[in-house]
C-alpha atoms as a PDB file:
ATOM      1  CA  MET A   1     120.242  95.870  92.610  1.00  0.00           C
ATOM      2  CA  GLU A   2     118.093  93.034  93.336  1.00  0.00           C
ATOM      3  CA  PRO A   3     119.321  90.145  95.369  1.00  0.00           C
ATOM      4  CA  VAL A   4     120.153  86.918  93.446  1.00  0.00           C
ATOM      5  CA  THR A   5     117.149  84.982  94.879  1.00  0.00           C
ATOM      6  CA  THR A   6     114.407  87.715  93.743  1.00  0.00           C
ATOM      7  CA  LEU A   7     115.297  87.736  89.956  1.00  0.00           C
ATOM      8  CA  THR A   8     112.515  86.326  88.226  1.00  0.00           C
ATOM      9  CA  ALA A   9     112.246  84.346  85.099  1.00  0.00           C
ATOM     10  CA  ALA A  10     110.777  87.462  83.312  1.00  0.00           C
ATOM     11  CA  ALA A  11     113.502  89.691  84.512  1.00  0.00           C
ATOM     12  CA  ILE A  12     116.394  87.245  83.456  1.00  0.00           C
ATOM     13  CA  ALA A  13     114.811  86.786  79.965  1.00  0.00           C
ATOM     14  CA  ASP A  14     114.438  90.626  79.632  1.00  0.00           C
ATOM     15  CA  LEU A  15     118.180  91.055  80.375  1.00  0.00           C
ATOM     16  CA  ALA A  16     119.331  87.943  78.072  1.00  0.00           C
ATOM     17  CA  PHE A  17     117.370  89.074  74.989  1.00  0.00           C
ATOM     18  CA  ARG A  18     117.258  92.963  75.403  1.00  0.00           C
ATOM     19  CA  LYS A  19     119.606  93.429  72.632  1.00  0.00           C
ATOM     20  CA  PHE A  20     117.184  91.990  70.102  1.00  0.00           C
ATOM     21  CA  ILE A  21     114.263  93.807  71.908  1.00  0.00           C
ATOM     22  CA  GLU A  22     115.768  97.377  72.115  1.00  0.00           C
ATOM     23  CA  SER A  23     115.356  99.562  69.143  1.00  0.00           C
ATOM     24  CA  GLY A  24     119.243  99.449  68.602  1.00  0.00           C
ATOM     25  CA  ALA A  25     122.516  98.482  69.760  1.00  0.00           C
ATOM     26  CA  GLY A  26     123.126 102.188  70.656  1.00  0.00           C
ATOM     27  CA  GLU A  27     120.521 102.398  73.072  1.00  0.00           C
ATOM     28  CA  LEU A  28     121.660  99.289  74.835  1.00  0.00           C
ATOM     29  CA  ALA A  29     125.130 100.889  75.014  1.00  0.00           C
ATOM     30  CA  LYS A  30     123.580 104.025  76.663  1.00  0.00           C
ATOM     31  CA  LYS A  31     122.221 101.745  79.548  1.00  0.00           C
ATOM     32  CA  PHE A  32     124.970  99.232  80.307  1.00  0.00           C
ATOM     33  CA  THR A  33     128.623  98.883  80.339  1.00  0.00           C
ATOM     34  CA  GLU A  34     130.246  96.837  77.839  1.00  0.00           C
ATOM     35  CA  GLY A  35     131.045  94.240  80.488  1.00  0.00           C
ATOM     36  CA  ALA A  36     127.226  93.965  81.091  1.00  0.00           C
ATOM     37  CA  ILE A  37     126.458  93.584  77.455  1.00  0.00           C
ATOM     38  CA  LEU A  38     128.884  90.798  77.245  1.00  0.00           C
ATOM     39  CA  GLN A  39     127.270  89.265  80.167  1.00  0.00           C
ATOM     40  CA  MET A  40     123.915  89.330  78.337  1.00  0.00           C
ATOM     41  CA  ASP A  41     125.538  87.345  75.512  1.00  0.00           C
ATOM     42  CA  ALA A  42     126.730  84.667  78.213  1.00  0.00           C
ATOM     43  CA  LEU A  43     123.168  84.746  79.778  1.00  0.00           C
ATOM     44  CA  ARG A  44     121.484  84.047  76.460  1.00  0.00           C
ATOM     45  CA  GLN A  45     124.046  81.195  75.724  1.00  0.00           C
ATOM     46  CA  LYS A  46     123.226  79.580  78.987  1.00  0.00           C
ATOM     47  CA  ILE A  47     119.579  79.740  78.209  1.00  0.00           C
ATOM     48  CA  TRP A  48     120.279  78.526  74.616  1.00  0.00           C
ATOM     49  CA  ASP A  49     122.053  75.537  76.026  1.00  0.00           C
ATOM     50  CA  LYS A  50     119.297  74.526  78.398  1.00  0.00           C
ATOM     51  CA  MET A  51     116.587  74.635  75.935  1.00  0.00           C
ATOM     52  CA  ARG A  52     118.487  72.728  73.180  1.00  0.00           C
ATOM     53  CA  GLY A  53     116.176  69.753  72.094  1.00  0.00           C
ATOM     54  CA  LYS A  54     112.984  71.409  73.039  1.00  0.00           C
ATOM     55  CA  PRO A  55     111.746  72.486  69.515  1.00  0.00           C
ATOM     56  CA  THR A  56     109.068  74.896  70.870  1.00  0.00           C
ATOM     57  CA  ALA A  57     111.441  76.541  73.235  1.00  0.00           C
ATOM     58  CA  GLU A  58     113.934  76.719  70.459  1.00  0.00           C
ATOM     59  CA  ALA A  59     111.366  78.199  68.038  1.00  0.00           C
ATOM     60  CA  ALA A  60     110.614  80.988  70.612  1.00  0.00           C
ATOM     61  CA  LEU A  61     114.315  81.800  71.221  1.00  0.00           C
ATOM     62  CA  THR A  62     114.777  82.010  67.069  1.00  0.00           C
ATOM     63  CA  SER A  63     111.764  84.308  66.919  1.00  0.00           C
ATOM     64  CA  ILE A  64     112.922  86.641  69.684  1.00  0.00           C
ATOM     65  CA  GLU A  65     116.491  86.873  68.176  1.00  0.00           C
ATOM     66  CA  GLN A  66     114.605  87.861  64.924  1.00  0.00           C
ATOM     67  CA  GLY A  67     112.823  90.680  66.977  1.00  0.00           C
ATOM     68  CA  SER A  68     109.672  89.107  68.079  1.00  0.00           C
ATOM     69  CA  LYS A  69     108.646  90.530  71.498  1.00  0.00           C
ATOM     70  CA  ALA A  70     105.642  88.276  71.620  1.00  0.00           C
ATOM     71  CA  GLU A  71     107.618  85.089  72.089  1.00  0.00           C
ATOM     72  CA  LEU A  72     109.281  86.729  75.132  1.00  0.00           C
ATOM     73  CA  ASP A  73     106.125  85.552  77.235  1.00  0.00           C
ATOM     74  CA  ARG A  74     106.361  82.025  75.998  1.00  0.00           C
ATOM     75  CA  LEU A  75     110.003  81.863  76.680  1.00  0.00           C
ATOM     76  CA  VAL A  76     109.630  83.058  80.264  1.00  0.00           C
ATOM     77  CA  ALA A  77     107.112  80.067  80.971  1.00  0.00           C
ATOM     78  CA  TYR A  78     109.929  77.594  79.689  1.00  0.00           C
ATOM     79  CA  ILE A  79     112.598  79.289  81.610  1.00  0.00           C
ATOM     80  CA  GLN A  80     110.573  79.153  84.668  1.00  0.00           C
ATOM     81  CA  VAL A  81     110.078  75.367  84.321  1.00  0.00           C
ATOM     82  CA  ALA A  82     113.853  74.844  83.760  1.00  0.00           C
ATOM     83  CA  MET A  83     114.685  76.901  87.041  1.00  0.00           C
ATOM     84  CA  ASP A  84     111.989  74.871  88.939  1.00  0.00           C
ATOM     85  CA  ASP A  85     113.619  71.723  87.665  1.00  0.00           C
ATOM     86  CA  ASP A  86     117.186  72.638  88.109  1.00  0.00           C
ATOM     87  CA  PRO A  87     118.246  74.471  91.007  1.00  0.00           C
ATOM     88  CA  GLN A  88     121.756  74.760  89.785  1.00  0.00           C
ATOM     89  CA  PHE A  89     120.763  76.415  86.465  1.00  0.00           C
ATOM     90  CA  ALA A  90     118.494  78.730  88.336  1.00  0.00           C
ATOM     91  CA  ASP A  91     121.245  79.872  90.651  1.00  0.00           C
ATOM     92  CA  ASP A  92     123.708  80.121  87.574  1.00  0.00           C
ATOM     93  CA  ILE A  93     121.538  82.326  85.545  1.00  0.00           C
ATOM     94  CA  ARG A  94     120.336  84.525  88.388  1.00  0.00           C
ATOM     95  CA  LEU A  95     123.953  85.067  89.458  1.00  0.00           C
ATOM     96  CA  THR A  96     124.818  86.208  85.834  1.00  0.00           C
ATOM     97  CA  ALA A  97     121.673  88.335  85.780  1.00  0.00           C
ATOM     98  CA  GLN A  98     122.845  89.959  88.749  1.00  0.00           C
ATOM     99  CA  GLN A  99     126.067  90.742  87.414  1.00  0.00           C
ATOM    100  CA  ILE A 100     124.427  92.235  84.369  1.00  0.00           C
ATOM    101  CA  ASN A 101     122.357  94.597  86.619  1.00  0.00           C
ATOM    102  CA  ALA A 102     125.554  95.507  88.476  1.00  0.00           C
ATOM    103  CA  GLY A 103     126.651  97.094  85.096  1.00  0.00           C
ATOM    104  CA  LYS A 104     123.796  99.115  84.511  1.00  0.00           C
ATOM    105  CA  ILE A 105     124.788 102.593  83.976  1.00  0.00           C
ATOM    106  CA  GLN A 106     123.120 104.961  86.442  1.00  0.00           C
ATOM    107  CA  ASP A 107     121.106 108.054  85.332  1.00  0.00           C
ATOM    108  CA  ASN A 108     122.535 110.732  87.731  1.00  0.00           C
ATOM    109  CA  SER A 109     121.050 113.649  85.656  1.00  0.00           C
ATOM    110  CA  SER A 110     119.057 116.280  87.314  1.00  0.00           C
ATOM    111  CA  MET A 111     115.782 117.590  86.866  1.00  0.00           C
ATOM    112  CA  THR A 112     114.214 121.114  87.626  1.00  0.00           C
ATOM    113  CA  GLN A 113     110.781 122.244  87.544  1.00  0.00           C
ATOM    114  CA  ASN A 114     109.338 125.661  88.664  1.00  0.00           C
ATOM    115  CA  ASN A 115     105.652 125.591  89.726  1.00  0.00           C
ATOM    116  CA  TYR A 116     103.919 128.720  90.458  1.00  0.00           C
ATOM    117  CA  ASP A 117     100.576 129.882  91.857  1.00  0.00           C
ATOM    118  CA  SER A 118      99.793 126.700  93.911  1.00  0.00           C
ATOM    119  CA  SER A 119     100.306 124.331  91.014  1.00  0.00           C
ATOM    120  CA  THR A 120     101.543 120.732  91.122  1.00  0.00           C
ATOM    121  CA  GLY A 121     104.037 119.409  88.736  1.00  0.00           C
ATOM    122  CA  TYR A 122     105.178 115.951  88.197  1.00  0.00           C
ATOM    123  CA  GLN A 123     108.536 114.756  87.009  1.00  0.00           C
ATOM    124  CA  THR A 124     109.511 111.155  86.680  1.00  0.00           C
ATOM    125  CA  LYS A 125     112.374 109.038  85.159  1.00  0.00           C
ATOM    126  CA  ILE A 126     110.765 105.729  83.836  1.00  0.00           C
ATOM    127  CA  GLU A 127     113.233 102.884  82.831  1.00  0.00           C
ATOM    128  CA  GLY A 128     110.851 100.658  80.896  1.00  0.00           C
ATOM    129  CA  GLY A 129     107.262  99.920  81.152  1.00  0.00           C
ATOM    130  CA  THR A 130     104.646 102.495  81.965  1.00  0.00           C
ATOM    131  CA  GLY A 131     104.691 105.395  84.501  1.00  0.00           C
ATOM    132  CA  PHE A 132     101.391 106.243  86.156  1.00  0.00           C
ATOM    133  CA  VAL A 133     101.316 109.751  87.558  1.00  0.00           C
ATOM    134  CA  GLY A 134      98.516 111.649  88.925  1.00  0.00           C
ATOM    135  CA  GLY A 135      96.583 113.135  91.637  1.00  0.00           C
ATOM    136  CA  THR A 136      93.122 114.700  92.307  1.00  0.00           C
ATOM    137  CA  HIS A 137      91.770 116.901  89.431  1.00  0.00           C
ATOM    138  CA  TYR A 138      88.945 119.262  89.946  1.00  0.00           C
ATOM    139  CA  HIS A 139      87.397 120.717  87.007  1.00  0.00           C
ATOM    140  CA  GLY A 140      84.884 123.490  88.152  1.00  0.00           C
ATOM    141  CA  GLU A 141      83.766 123.460  91.659  1.00  0.00           C
ATOM    142  CA  LYS A 142      85.405 121.370  94.391  1.00  0.00           C
ATOM    143  CA  PRO A 143      82.801 118.972  95.659  1.00  0.00           C
END
């Protein structure tokens, strides 16, 4: 879990609007506890309350809630400005985001791989984003 001071505007926006960005509510329920999902709603409401009266920010919020992932980057900029201008708001949403992270369901499943003949195998568990896995590959003779 990240300390409360290191949660960025991007991480906070992702947590607040994950319900609208994920492919379905069922997927969200597999990753977070019910309490964390309720905290996501509270976080989203805090952001809405702060952005009221700012037409472009409200438009971005509405678009995200209708499923637009592209507007999330624009909203991150608005959240960052609000956090810079109002330290109390920043602390409040960071604390809520930290509580959401505390409600993240841990994946404790095991992975088993058998490699033979000096082969190399890679196993990864990636939560969001892209995982880059690799090594040195020789095709033919080694240099």
